Amino acid sequence: MISFKKYTDIVGGIAKKLKVSKDVAVNALIKAQEKGMNPLKWQQNITMLQSYIQIAAEYEPVDEREMSTSQKVTQMNYYWKDLDHMASDERKKKNMQTRFGIKNIKLDKKGNILSFESVEEDRDYKDEYKKFQSSDKMKKYRAELNRYNRKKGTYGNGDGKDASHKDGKIVGMEDQSVNRGRAEKSRLIGSKRK
């Protein structure tokens, strides 16, 4: 049995010698080992590895960002078929939107995906933030906190304190890190807030 360090060194040597990625080198080495090659003697079996490199390179994974639209639809069809155990198409669509961020899934008569839209592509986060912060509700919220801070005489003095809201009411002054950190919890996985 060889150590992990030694195995990675062998993979690095194969990748460098045959000018391929380490992923392809690992796949070729695994195939060669299945045929009985000793990984410590990889340099003696370089011709065997070269033949497996060609096979492994054909199956190298494709970066999803470089996929064409038809390739993405084919890929999503595999996931869609894995969801056959679920009750309805609506539930499957909701699951696909949650897992992969796709919406407006169109199906053919056989139940295969014809097309979909990606949720991330059409969002402008900068614009959303600007609209949210310029709403009357947020202006009122900030004005109320600033008014309270001025009333206490601590506005702009650099004491590191903020006026804190809990359950819609100002409850007093609080460290900035605690007050602003609490808002970040809404970004954690499993949060109900959108």
N, C-alpha and C. Protein backbone atom coordinates (compact mmCIF):
# COMPACT_ATOMS: atom_id res chain seq x y z
N MET A 1 0.85 -1.18 0.00
CA MET A 1 0.00 0.00 0.00
C MET A 1 0.89 1.24 0.00
N ILE A 2 0.60 2.16 -0.91
CA ILE A 2 1.41 3.38 -0.97
C ILE A 2 0.65 4.52 -0.28
N SER A 3 1.41 5.51 0.18
CA SER A 3 0.81 6.63 0.89
C SER A 3 0.13 7.58 -0.10
N PHE A 4 -0.76 8.41 0.46
CA PHE A 4 -1.47 9.38 -0.36
C PHE A 4 -0.49 10.36 -1.00
N LYS A 5 0.51 10.78 -0.25
CA LYS A 5 1.52 11.71 -0.76
C LYS A 5 2.24 11.11 -1.96
N LYS A 6 2.62 9.84 -1.84
CA LYS A 6 3.32 9.17 -2.94
C LYS A 6 2.40 9.06 -4.16
N TYR A 7 1.12 8.75 -3.92
CA TYR A 7 0.16 8.61 -5.01
C TYR A 7 -0.02 9.94 -5.74
N THR A 8 -0.14 11.04 -4.97
CA THR A 8 -0.29 12.35 -5.62
C THR A 8 0.97 12.75 -6.38
N ASP A 9 2.13 12.35 -5.86
CA ASP A 9 3.38 12.61 -6.59
C ASP A 9 3.40 11.86 -7.92
N ILE A 10 2.90 10.62 -7.90
CA ILE A 10 2.83 9.81 -9.13
C ILE A 10 1.89 10.47 -10.13
N VAL A 11 0.73 10.90 -9.64
CA VAL A 11 -0.26 11.57 -10.52
C VAL A 11 0.34 12.84 -11.10
N GLY A 12 1.04 13.61 -10.28
CA GLY A 12 1.70 14.83 -10.75
C GLY A 12 2.76 14.52 -11.81
N GLY A 13 3.50 13.44 -11.59
CA GLY A 13 4.52 13.03 -12.57
C GLY A 13 3.91 12.62 -13.89
N ILE A 14 2.82 11.87 -13.84
CA ILE A 14 2.13 11.44 -15.07
C ILE A 14 1.58 12.66 -15.81
N ALA A 15 0.94 13.57 -15.07
CA ALA A 15 0.36 14.76 -15.68
C ALA A 15 1.43 15.61 -16.36
N LYS A 16 2.58 15.75 -15.71
CA LYS A 16 3.66 16.56 -16.27
C LYS A 16 4.29 15.88 -17.49
N LYS A 17 4.53 14.58 -17.38
CA LYS A 17 5.17 13.83 -18.47
C LYS A 17 4.29 13.80 -19.72
N LEU A 18 2.99 13.58 -19.53
CA LEU A 18 2.09 13.44 -20.68
C LEU A 18 1.34 14.73 -21.02
N LYS A 19 1.64 15.80 -20.28
CA LYS A 19 1.07 17.13 -20.54
C LYS A 19 -0.46 17.12 -20.54
N VAL A 20 -1.04 16.63 -19.43
CA VAL A 20 -2.49 16.60 -19.26
C VAL A 20 -2.82 17.12 -17.86
N SER A 21 -4.12 17.33 -17.61
CA SER A 21 -4.52 17.78 -16.28
C SER A 21 -4.40 16.63 -15.28
N LYS A 22 -4.37 16.98 -14.01
CA LYS A 22 -4.25 15.95 -12.97
C LYS A 22 -5.48 15.06 -12.91
N ASP A 23 -6.66 15.63 -13.21
CA ASP A 23 -7.88 14.82 -13.23
C ASP A 23 -7.80 13.72 -14.27
N VAL A 24 -7.32 14.07 -15.46
CA VAL A 24 -7.17 13.08 -16.53
C VAL A 24 -6.12 12.05 -16.14
N ALA A 25 -5.03 12.50 -15.52
CA ALA A 25 -3.97 11.58 -15.09
C ALA A 25 -4.48 10.60 -14.05
N VAL A 26 -5.30 11.07 -13.11
CA VAL A 26 -5.88 10.19 -12.08
C VAL A 26 -6.76 9.13 -12.74
N ASN A 27 -7.63 9.56 -13.66
CA ASN A 27 -8.52 8.62 -14.33
C ASN A 27 -7.73 7.57 -15.12
N ALA A 28 -6.67 7.99 -15.80
CA ALA A 28 -5.85 7.05 -16.57
C ALA A 28 -5.14 6.07 -15.64
N LEU A 29 -4.64 6.57 -14.52
CA LEU A 29 -3.94 5.71 -13.56
C LEU A 29 -4.89 4.68 -12.96
N ILE A 30 -6.11 5.11 -12.66
CA ILE A 30 -7.10 4.18 -12.10
C ILE A 30 -7.41 3.07 -13.10
N LYS A 31 -7.60 3.43 -14.37
CA LYS A 31 -7.88 2.43 -15.40
C LYS A 31 -6.71 1.47 -15.56
N ALA A 32 -5.49 2.02 -15.53
CA ALA A 32 -4.30 1.17 -15.67
C ALA A 32 -4.17 0.23 -14.47
N GLN A 33 -4.50 0.71 -13.26
CA GLN A 33 -4.45 -0.15 -12.07
C GLN A 33 -5.47 -1.27 -12.15
N GLU A 34 -6.63 -0.98 -12.73
CA GLU A 34 -7.65 -2.01 -12.90
C GLU A 34 -7.16 -3.13 -13.81
N LYS A 35 -6.24 -2.80 -14.72
CA LYS A 35 -5.67 -3.80 -15.62
C LYS A 35 -4.42 -4.46 -15.03
N GLY A 36 -4.08 -4.13 -13.79
CA GLY A 36 -2.99 -4.81 -13.10
C GLY A 36 -1.67 -4.08 -13.06
N MET A 37 -1.62 -2.82 -13.46
CA MET A 37 -0.36 -2.08 -13.44
C MET A 37 -0.04 -1.62 -12.02
N ASN A 38 1.20 -1.73 -11.60
CA ASN A 38 1.67 -1.25 -10.32
C ASN A 38 1.94 0.25 -10.45
N PRO A 39 1.29 1.10 -9.65
CA PRO A 39 1.50 2.55 -9.81
C PRO A 39 2.93 2.99 -9.56
N LEU A 40 3.69 2.25 -8.76
CA LEU A 40 5.08 2.62 -8.51
C LEU A 40 5.94 2.44 -9.75
N LYS A 41 5.50 1.60 -10.69
CA LYS A 41 6.25 1.34 -11.92
C LYS A 41 5.59 2.03 -13.12
N TRP A 42 5.03 3.21 -12.88
CA TRP A 42 4.29 3.90 -13.94
C TRP A 42 5.17 4.30 -15.11
N GLN A 43 6.46 4.59 -14.86
CA GLN A 43 7.34 5.02 -15.95
C GLN A 43 7.64 3.88 -16.91
N GLN A 44 7.63 2.64 -16.41
CA GLN A 44 7.83 1.48 -17.28
C GLN A 44 6.60 1.22 -18.13
N ASN A 45 5.42 1.67 -17.67
CA ASN A 45 4.16 1.42 -18.36
C ASN A 45 3.60 2.69 -19.00
N ILE A 46 4.49 3.54 -19.48
CA ILE A 46 4.06 4.84 -20.01
C ILE A 46 3.19 4.69 -21.26
N THR A 47 3.46 3.68 -22.09
CA THR A 47 2.64 3.48 -23.30
C THR A 47 1.22 3.08 -22.92
N MET A 48 1.09 2.24 -21.87
CA MET A 48 -0.25 1.84 -21.40
C MET A 48 -0.99 3.07 -20.89
N LEU A 49 -0.31 3.92 -20.13
CA LEU A 49 -0.93 5.12 -19.59
C LEU A 49 -1.35 6.08 -20.70
N GLN A 50 -0.51 6.18 -21.76
CA GLN A 50 -0.86 7.07 -22.87
C GLN A 50 -2.16 6.64 -23.54
N SER A 51 -2.37 5.34 -23.67
CA SER A 51 -3.61 4.88 -24.30
C SER A 51 -4.81 5.17 -23.40
N TYR A 52 -4.63 5.05 -22.07
CA TYR A 52 -5.72 5.35 -21.15
C TYR A 52 -5.95 6.86 -21.02
N ILE A 53 -4.91 7.64 -21.24
CA ILE A 53 -5.06 9.11 -21.21
C ILE A 53 -6.04 9.53 -22.30
N GLN A 54 -5.92 8.96 -23.48
CA GLN A 54 -6.82 9.31 -24.58
C GLN A 54 -8.27 8.98 -24.23
N ILE A 55 -8.48 7.84 -23.57
CA ILE A 55 -9.84 7.44 -23.16
C ILE A 55 -10.35 8.38 -22.07
N ALA A 56 -9.49 8.66 -21.07
CA ALA A 56 -9.91 9.51 -19.95
C ALA A 56 -10.17 10.94 -20.40
N ALA A 57 -9.41 11.43 -21.38
CA ALA A 57 -9.59 12.81 -21.85
C ALA A 57 -10.95 13.00 -22.53
N GLU A 58 -11.46 11.94 -23.14
CA GLU A 58 -12.77 12.03 -23.79
C GLU A 58 -13.89 12.24 -22.78
N TYR A 59 -13.69 11.75 -21.56
CA TYR A 59 -14.72 11.84 -20.54
C TYR A 59 -14.45 12.92 -19.51
N GLU A 60 -13.57 13.85 -19.84
CA GLU A 60 -13.29 14.93 -18.91
C GLU A 60 -14.53 15.80 -18.75
N PRO A 61 -14.89 16.16 -17.50
CA PRO A 61 -16.12 16.93 -17.29
C PRO A 61 -16.05 18.30 -17.96
N VAL A 62 -17.21 18.76 -18.41
CA VAL A 62 -17.33 20.04 -19.08
C VAL A 62 -17.74 21.08 -18.06
N ASP A 63 -17.15 22.26 -18.12
CA ASP A 63 -17.54 23.36 -17.24
C ASP A 63 -18.93 23.83 -17.64
N GLU A 64 -19.85 23.88 -16.69
CA GLU A 64 -21.24 24.22 -17.00
C GLU A 64 -21.38 25.63 -17.54
N ARG A 65 -20.46 26.52 -17.20
CA ARG A 65 -20.54 27.89 -17.71
C ARG A 65 -20.24 27.95 -19.21
N GLU A 66 -19.53 26.93 -19.72
CA GLU A 66 -19.19 26.89 -21.14
C GLU A 66 -20.16 26.05 -21.96
N MET A 67 -21.15 25.46 -21.32
CA MET A 67 -22.12 24.62 -22.02
C MET A 67 -23.03 25.46 -22.90
N SER A 68 -23.45 24.87 -24.01
CA SER A 68 -24.45 25.54 -24.85
C SER A 68 -25.82 25.33 -24.21
N THR A 69 -26.83 26.02 -24.72
CA THR A 69 -28.17 25.92 -24.17
C THR A 69 -28.71 24.50 -24.29
N SER A 70 -28.48 23.86 -25.42
CA SER A 70 -28.99 22.49 -25.60
C SER A 70 -28.29 21.52 -24.65
N GLN A 71 -27.01 21.73 -24.37
CA GLN A 71 -26.30 20.87 -23.41
C GLN A 71 -26.86 21.07 -22.00
N LYS A 72 -27.18 22.30 -21.65
CA LYS A 72 -27.75 22.58 -20.32
C LYS A 72 -29.12 21.91 -20.18
N VAL A 73 -29.93 21.98 -21.25
CA VAL A 73 -31.26 21.35 -21.21
C VAL A 73 -31.11 19.84 -21.05
N THR A 74 -30.18 19.24 -21.77
CA THR A 74 -29.93 17.80 -21.65
C THR A 74 -29.51 17.45 -20.23
N GLN A 75 -28.61 18.26 -19.66
CA GLN A 75 -28.14 18.03 -18.29
C GLN A 75 -29.29 18.11 -17.30
N MET A 76 -30.15 19.11 -17.45
CA MET A 76 -31.28 19.27 -16.53
C MET A 76 -32.30 18.15 -16.69
N ASN A 77 -32.40 17.58 -17.89
CA ASN A 77 -33.31 16.45 -18.11
C ASN A 77 -32.90 15.25 -17.26
N TYR A 78 -31.58 15.04 -17.08
CA TYR A 78 -31.13 13.95 -16.22
C TYR A 78 -31.62 14.15 -14.79
N TYR A 79 -31.48 15.38 -14.28
CA TYR A 79 -31.94 15.68 -12.93
C TYR A 79 -33.46 15.54 -12.84
N TRP A 80 -34.16 15.99 -13.89
CA TRP A 80 -35.62 15.93 -13.91
C TRP A 80 -36.10 14.48 -13.81
N LYS A 81 -35.45 13.59 -14.55
CA LYS A 81 -35.84 12.17 -14.53
C LYS A 81 -35.57 11.54 -13.17
N ASP A 82 -34.57 12.03 -12.45
CA ASP A 82 -34.29 11.52 -11.10
C ASP A 82 -35.39 11.91 -10.12
N LEU A 83 -36.18 12.90 -10.46
CA LEU A 83 -37.25 13.37 -9.58
C LEU A 83 -38.59 12.68 -9.87
N ASP A 84 -38.58 11.60 -10.65
CA ASP A 84 -39.82 10.92 -11.03
C ASP A 84 -40.62 10.40 -9.84
N HIS A 85 -39.96 10.16 -8.74
CA HIS A 85 -40.67 9.65 -7.57
C HIS A 85 -41.58 10.69 -6.93
N MET A 86 -41.41 11.95 -7.29
CA MET A 86 -42.24 13.00 -6.71
C MET A 86 -43.62 13.01 -7.36
N ALA A 87 -44.58 13.59 -6.69
CA ALA A 87 -45.99 13.50 -7.08
C ALA A 87 -46.33 14.25 -8.36
N SER A 88 -46.04 15.53 -8.42
CA SER A 88 -46.54 16.33 -9.55
C SER A 88 -45.40 17.10 -10.22
N ASP A 89 -45.70 17.56 -11.44
CA ASP A 89 -44.72 18.36 -12.17
C ASP A 89 -44.46 19.69 -11.47
N GLU A 90 -45.49 20.25 -10.84
CA GLU A 90 -45.32 21.53 -10.13
C GLU A 90 -44.32 21.38 -8.99
N ARG A 91 -44.42 20.28 -8.29
CA ARG A 91 -43.49 20.04 -7.18
C ARG A 91 -42.07 19.84 -7.71
N LYS A 92 -41.95 19.14 -8.84
CA LYS A 92 -40.63 18.96 -9.46
C LYS A 92 -40.05 20.30 -9.88
N LYS A 93 -40.90 21.16 -10.48
CA LYS A 93 -40.44 22.48 -10.93
C LYS A 93 -39.94 23.31 -9.76
N LYS A 94 -40.66 23.25 -8.66
CA LYS A 94 -40.26 24.00 -7.47
C LYS A 94 -38.92 23.49 -6.93
N ASN A 95 -38.75 22.17 -6.96
CA ASN A 95 -37.50 21.56 -6.52
C ASN A 95 -36.35 21.99 -7.42
N MET A 96 -36.56 22.00 -8.72
CA MET A 96 -35.51 22.39 -9.67
C MET A 96 -35.14 23.87 -9.49
N GLN A 97 -36.13 24.70 -9.18
CA GLN A 97 -35.84 26.12 -8.96
C GLN A 97 -35.00 26.29 -7.69
N THR A 98 -35.34 25.54 -6.66
CA THR A 98 -34.59 25.64 -5.40
C THR A 98 -33.17 25.11 -5.56
N ARG A 99 -33.01 23.96 -6.20
CA ARG A 99 -31.70 23.33 -6.31
C ARG A 99 -30.78 23.99 -7.32
N PHE A 100 -31.32 24.35 -8.48
CA PHE A 100 -30.47 24.81 -9.58
C PHE A 100 -30.73 26.25 -10.01
N GLY A 101 -31.75 26.89 -9.46
CA GLY A 101 -32.03 28.28 -9.81
C GLY A 101 -32.58 28.44 -11.22
N ILE A 102 -33.43 27.49 -11.65
CA ILE A 102 -34.05 27.62 -12.96
C ILE A 102 -35.56 27.77 -12.79
N LYS A 103 -36.19 28.49 -13.72
CA LYS A 103 -37.63 28.71 -13.64
C LYS A 103 -38.23 28.63 -15.04
N ASN A 104 -39.55 28.76 -15.13
CA ASN A 104 -40.27 28.69 -16.41
C ASN A 104 -39.88 27.45 -17.21
N ILE A 105 -39.93 26.30 -16.57
CA ILE A 105 -39.59 25.04 -17.23
C ILE A 105 -40.74 24.65 -18.15
N LYS A 106 -40.41 24.42 -19.43
CA LYS A 106 -41.40 23.99 -20.41
C LYS A 106 -41.14 22.52 -20.74
N LEU A 107 -42.22 21.72 -20.74
CA LEU A 107 -42.11 20.28 -20.96
C LEU A 107 -42.75 19.89 -22.28
N ASP A 108 -42.26 18.79 -22.88
CA ASP A 108 -42.93 18.24 -24.06
C ASP A 108 -43.97 17.20 -23.61
N LYS A 109 -44.61 16.54 -24.57
CA LYS A 109 -45.67 15.59 -24.24
C LYS A 109 -45.16 14.37 -23.48
N LYS A 110 -43.89 14.04 -23.68
CA LYS A 110 -43.30 12.87 -23.00
C LYS A 110 -42.82 13.20 -21.59
N GLY A 111 -42.83 14.46 -21.24
CA GLY A 111 -42.39 14.87 -19.90
C GLY A 111 -40.93 15.26 -19.83
N ASN A 112 -40.29 15.53 -20.97
CA ASN A 112 -38.90 15.98 -21.00
C ASN A 112 -38.85 17.50 -21.04
N ILE A 113 -37.79 18.06 -20.51
CA ILE A 113 -37.63 19.52 -20.50
C ILE A 113 -37.26 20.01 -21.89
N LEU A 114 -38.00 20.99 -22.39
CA LEU A 114 -37.69 21.63 -23.67
C LEU A 114 -36.83 22.87 -23.48
N SER A 115 -37.20 23.68 -22.46
CA SER A 115 -36.46 24.91 -22.20
C SER A 115 -36.71 25.37 -20.77
N PHE A 116 -35.85 26.28 -20.32
CA PHE A 116 -35.98 26.88 -18.99
C PHE A 116 -35.22 28.19 -18.98
N GLU A 117 -35.45 28.98 -17.94
CA GLU A 117 -34.72 30.23 -17.74
C GLU A 117 -33.94 30.14 -16.44
N SER A 118 -32.79 30.74 -16.43
CA SER A 118 -31.99 30.78 -15.22
C SER A 118 -32.37 32.00 -14.40
N VAL A 119 -32.55 31.81 -13.11
CA VAL A 119 -32.99 32.90 -12.23
C VAL A 119 -31.88 33.94 -12.07
N GLU A 120 -30.63 33.50 -11.94
CA GLU A 120 -29.53 34.42 -11.65
C GLU A 120 -29.27 35.40 -12.79
N GLU A 121 -29.54 34.97 -14.02
CA GLU A 121 -29.19 35.81 -15.16
C GLU A 121 -29.97 37.11 -15.22
N ASP A 122 -31.21 37.12 -14.74
CA ASP A 122 -32.03 38.30 -14.91
C ASP A 122 -32.14 39.18 -13.67
N ARG A 123 -31.31 38.94 -12.66
CA ARG A 123 -31.36 39.77 -11.45
C ARG A 123 -30.27 40.83 -11.48
N ASP A 124 -30.64 42.04 -11.09
CA ASP A 124 -29.69 43.14 -10.97
C ASP A 124 -29.66 43.51 -9.49
N TYR A 125 -28.70 42.95 -8.76
CA TYR A 125 -28.64 43.13 -7.32
C TYR A 125 -28.42 44.59 -6.92
N LYS A 126 -27.62 45.30 -7.68
CA LYS A 126 -27.35 46.69 -7.37
C LYS A 126 -28.64 47.51 -7.44
N ASP A 127 -29.42 47.24 -8.48
CA ASP A 127 -30.69 47.95 -8.67
C ASP A 127 -31.69 47.58 -7.57
N GLU A 128 -31.73 46.28 -7.21
CA GLU A 128 -32.63 45.83 -6.14
C GLU A 128 -32.29 46.53 -4.82
N TYR A 129 -31.00 46.62 -4.50
CA TYR A 129 -30.56 47.25 -3.27
C TYR A 129 -30.94 48.74 -3.27
N LYS A 130 -30.71 49.39 -4.41
CA LYS A 130 -31.03 50.82 -4.53
C LYS A 130 -32.53 51.06 -4.32
N LYS A 131 -33.36 50.22 -4.95
CA LYS A 131 -34.81 50.36 -4.80
C LYS A 131 -35.24 50.12 -3.35
N PHE A 132 -34.66 49.09 -2.73
CA PHE A 132 -35.03 48.76 -1.35
C PHE A 132 -34.67 49.90 -0.41
N GLN A 133 -33.44 50.41 -0.51
CA GLN A 133 -32.98 51.45 0.40
C GLN A 133 -33.66 52.79 0.15
N SER A 134 -34.17 53.02 -1.07
CA SER A 134 -34.82 54.30 -1.37
C SER A 134 -36.32 54.26 -1.11
N SER A 135 -36.83 53.13 -0.63
CA SER A 135 -38.26 53.05 -0.33
C SER A 135 -38.58 53.92 0.90
N ASP A 136 -39.83 54.38 0.97
CA ASP A 136 -40.25 55.23 2.09
C ASP A 136 -40.08 54.52 3.43
N LYS A 137 -40.34 53.23 3.43
CA LYS A 137 -40.23 52.44 4.67
C LYS A 137 -38.80 52.48 5.21
N MET A 138 -37.80 52.27 4.33
CA MET A 138 -36.41 52.25 4.79
C MET A 138 -35.92 53.64 5.16
N LYS A 139 -36.38 54.67 4.45
CA LYS A 139 -36.00 56.03 4.80
C LYS A 139 -36.51 56.38 6.20
N LYS A 140 -37.75 55.99 6.46
CA LYS A 140 -38.36 56.24 7.76
C LYS A 140 -37.60 55.48 8.86
N TYR A 141 -37.23 54.24 8.57
CA TYR A 141 -36.50 53.39 9.52
C TYR A 141 -35.16 54.04 9.89
N ARG A 142 -34.39 54.46 8.88
CA ARG A 142 -33.09 55.09 9.14
C ARG A 142 -33.24 56.41 9.87
N ALA A 143 -34.26 57.20 9.48
CA ALA A 143 -34.48 58.50 10.13
C ALA A 143 -34.81 58.31 11.61
N GLU A 144 -35.62 57.29 11.91
CA GLU A 144 -36.00 57.02 13.29
C GLU A 144 -34.76 56.65 14.14
N LEU A 145 -33.90 55.81 13.59
CA LEU A 145 -32.68 55.41 14.30
C LEU A 145 -31.74 56.60 14.50
N ASN A 146 -31.58 57.42 13.46
CA ASN A 146 -30.72 58.60 13.57
C ASN A 146 -31.27 59.60 14.57
N ARG A 147 -32.59 59.80 14.58
CA ARG A 147 -33.24 60.72 15.52
C ARG A 147 -32.97 60.26 16.96
N TYR A 148 -33.12 58.97 17.21
CA TYR A 148 -32.89 58.41 18.55
C TYR A 148 -31.42 58.61 18.95
N ASN A 149 -30.52 58.38 18.00
CA ASN A 149 -29.09 58.51 18.27
C ASN A 149 -28.73 59.97 18.58
N ARG A 150 -29.32 60.92 17.86
CA ARG A 150 -29.08 62.34 18.12
C ARG A 150 -29.63 62.75 19.48
N LYS A 151 -30.81 62.23 19.80
CA LYS A 151 -31.46 62.54 21.07
C LYS A 151 -30.60 62.09 22.26
N LYS A 152 -29.93 60.96 22.08
CA LYS A 152 -29.04 60.46 23.13
C LYS A 152 -27.71 61.21 23.16
N GLY A 153 -27.45 62.00 22.12
CA GLY A 153 -26.21 62.78 22.07
C GLY A 153 -25.01 61.97 21.61
N THR A 154 -25.26 60.85 20.96
CA THR A 154 -24.14 59.99 20.55
C THR A 154 -23.98 59.91 19.03
N TYR A 155 -24.74 60.70 18.28
CA TYR A 155 -24.68 60.64 16.83
C TYR A 155 -23.34 61.19 16.34
N GLY A 156 -22.55 60.36 15.65
CA GLY A 156 -21.30 60.80 15.03
C GLY A 156 -20.13 60.99 15.97
N ASN A 157 -20.22 60.47 17.21
CA ASN A 157 -19.10 60.66 18.14
C ASN A 157 -18.08 59.53 18.08
N GLY A 158 -18.34 58.50 17.27
CA GLY A 158 -17.38 57.42 17.09
C GLY A 158 -17.30 56.46 18.25
N ASP A 159 -18.37 56.33 19.03
CA ASP A 159 -18.34 55.44 20.19
C ASP A 159 -18.58 53.96 19.83
N GLY A 160 -18.89 53.70 18.56
CA GLY A 160 -19.10 52.32 18.13
C GLY A 160 -20.44 51.75 18.53
N LYS A 161 -21.40 52.63 18.84
CA LYS A 161 -22.73 52.18 19.26
C LYS A 161 -23.77 52.54 18.19
N ASP A 162 -24.78 51.69 18.07
CA ASP A 162 -25.91 51.93 17.16
C ASP A 162 -27.20 51.88 17.96
N ALA A 163 -28.21 52.60 17.46
CA ALA A 163 -29.55 52.44 18.01
C ALA A 163 -30.08 51.12 17.48
N SER A 164 -30.60 50.30 18.37
CA SER A 164 -30.97 48.94 17.99
C SER A 164 -32.48 48.74 17.95
N HIS A 165 -32.96 48.03 16.91
CA HIS A 165 -34.37 47.67 16.76
C HIS A 165 -34.55 46.21 17.11
N LYS A 166 -35.56 45.90 17.87
CA LYS A 166 -35.97 44.52 18.11
C LYS A 166 -37.48 44.49 18.12
N ASP A 167 -38.06 43.64 17.30
CA ASP A 167 -39.52 43.51 17.18
C ASP A 167 -40.18 44.84 16.81
N GLY A 168 -39.53 45.63 15.97
CA GLY A 168 -40.13 46.86 15.48
C GLY A 168 -40.02 48.06 16.40
N LYS A 169 -39.33 47.94 17.54
CA LYS A 169 -39.19 49.06 18.49
C LYS A 169 -37.73 49.27 18.82
N ILE A 170 -37.37 50.53 19.08
CA ILE A 170 -36.00 50.83 19.49
C ILE A 170 -35.86 50.41 20.95
N VAL A 171 -34.83 49.62 21.23
CA VAL A 171 -34.66 49.11 22.59
C VAL A 171 -33.44 49.69 23.28
N GLY A 172 -32.67 50.51 22.60
CA GLY A 172 -31.52 51.12 23.24
C GLY A 172 -30.31 51.10 22.34
N MET A 173 -29.17 51.40 22.94
CA MET A 173 -27.92 51.45 22.19
C MET A 173 -27.23 50.09 22.29
N GLU A 174 -26.53 49.74 21.22
CA GLU A 174 -25.89 48.43 21.15
C GLU A 174 -24.62 48.56 20.32
N ASP A 175 -23.63 47.71 20.57
CA ASP A 175 -22.41 47.71 19.77
C ASP A 175 -22.75 47.52 18.30
N GLN A 176 -22.03 48.22 17.43
CA GLN A 176 -22.27 48.11 15.99
C GLN A 176 -22.13 46.68 15.50
N SER A 177 -21.09 45.99 15.97
CA SER A 177 -20.83 44.64 15.48
C SER A 177 -21.96 43.68 15.82
N VAL A 178 -22.55 43.83 16.99
CA VAL A 178 -23.65 42.97 17.41
C VAL A 178 -24.91 43.32 16.63
N ASN A 179 -25.21 44.62 16.55
CA ASN A 179 -26.43 45.07 15.88
C ASN A 179 -26.42 44.74 14.39
N ARG A 180 -25.32 45.01 13.72
CA ARG A 180 -25.24 44.77 12.27
C ARG A 180 -25.04 43.29 11.97
N GLY A 181 -24.43 42.55 12.87
CA GLY A 181 -24.23 41.12 12.69
C GLY A 181 -25.53 40.35 12.76
N ARG A 182 -26.47 40.83 13.56
CA ARG A 182 -27.77 40.16 13.70
C ARG A 182 -28.51 40.16 12.37
N ALA A 183 -28.41 41.22 11.61
CA ALA A 183 -29.10 41.31 10.32
C ALA A 183 -28.55 40.30 9.33
N GLU A 184 -27.28 39.95 9.46
CA GLU A 184 -26.66 39.02 8.53
C GLU A 184 -27.20 37.60 8.68
N LYS A 185 -27.82 37.28 9.79
CA LYS A 185 -28.35 35.94 9.99
C LYS A 185 -29.42 35.60 8.96
N SER A 186 -30.04 36.63 8.38
CA SER A 186 -31.07 36.37 7.37
C SER A 186 -30.46 35.79 6.10
N ARG A 187 -29.16 35.88 5.95
CA ARG A 187 -28.52 35.37 4.74
C ARG A 187 -28.08 33.92 4.90
N LEU A 188 -28.19 33.38 6.10
CA LEU A 188 -27.77 32.01 6.32
C LEU A 188 -28.71 31.03 5.65
N ILE A 189 -28.19 29.85 5.34
CA ILE A 189 -28.98 28.80 4.72
C ILE A 189 -30.10 28.39 5.69
N GLY A 190 -31.29 28.26 5.16
CA GLY A 190 -32.43 27.87 5.98
C GLY A 190 -33.24 29.04 6.48
N SER A 191 -32.77 30.27 6.23
CA SER A 191 -33.52 31.44 6.66
C SER A 191 -34.80 31.57 5.86
N LYS A 192 -35.86 31.99 6.49
CA LYS A 192 -37.15 32.16 5.82
C LYS A 192 -37.23 33.49 5.10
N ARG A 193 -36.37 34.42 5.47
CA ARG A 193 -36.40 35.76 4.87
C ARG A 193 -35.79 35.74 3.49
N LYS A 194 -36.39 36.44 2.55
CA LYS A 194 -35.88 36.51 1.18
C LYS A 194 -35.30 37.87 0.91
